[in-house]
Protein backbone atom coordinates (compact mmCIF):
# COMPACT_ATOMS: atom_id res chain seq x y z
CA ASN A 1 -21.70 17.60 4.04
CA VAL A 2 -18.02 18.17 3.24
CA ALA A 3 -17.29 18.36 7.00
CA PHE A 4 -19.01 14.97 7.45
CA LEU A 5 -17.03 13.43 4.61
CA LYS A 6 -13.70 14.85 6.05
CA LYS A 7 -14.50 13.46 9.48
CA THR A 8 -15.33 10.03 7.99
CA LYS A 9 -12.04 10.06 6.08
CA GLU A 10 -10.14 10.95 9.34
CA GLN A 11 -11.89 8.04 11.19
CA LEU A 12 -11.05 5.62 8.48
CA GLU A 13 -7.40 6.69 8.50
CA GLU A 14 -7.33 6.33 12.31
CA GLU A 15 -8.85 2.87 12.14
CA GLU A 16 -6.38 1.91 9.45
CA SER A 17 -3.37 3.04 11.48
CA ARG A 18 -4.76 1.14 14.48
CA ALA A 19 -5.18 -2.02 12.37
CA LEU A 20 -1.60 -1.65 11.06
CA LYS A 21 -0.36 -1.19 14.62
CA ARG A 22 -2.20 -4.38 15.78
CA THR A 23 -0.77 -6.25 12.72
CA SER A 24 2.81 -5.16 13.45
CA GLU A 25 2.33 -6.08 17.13
CA SER A 26 1.27 -9.52 16.30
CA LEU A 27 4.00 -9.98 13.78
CA GLU A 28 6.53 -8.98 16.48
CA GLU A 29 4.93 -11.50 18.81
CA LYS A 30 5.16 -14.30 16.23
CA ALA A 31 8.83 -13.39 15.64
CA ALA A 32 9.52 -13.49 19.41
CA LYS A 33 7.77 -16.83 19.77
CA LYS A 34 9.72 -18.28 16.84
CA GLN A 35 12.96 -17.08 18.24
CA LYS A 36 12.09 -18.61 21.63
CA LEU A 37 11.23 -21.84 19.92
CA ASP A 38 14.53 -21.86 17.96
CA GLU A 39 16.51 -21.18 21.18
CA GLU A 40 14.59 -24.14 22.83
CA VAL A 41 15.48 -26.35 19.85
CA GLU A 42 19.16 -25.36 20.04
CA GLU A 43 19.17 -26.08 23.73
CA LEU A 44 17.72 -29.56 23.15
CA LYS A 45 20.19 -30.33 20.44
CA LYS A 46 23.03 -29.59 22.89
CA HIS A 47 21.64 -32.32 25.27
CA LEU A 48 21.42 -34.96 22.51
């Protein structure tokens, strides 16, 4: 029973770390997209 609980806890921690990794990856993607948009806006401003 204790072994089962320990295994379950390990699985939960593993899923949590995977979820955190996904979250940080999507945040990085958002930041990259925002930076790209900002650069495009600056480029457009130069032409106005």
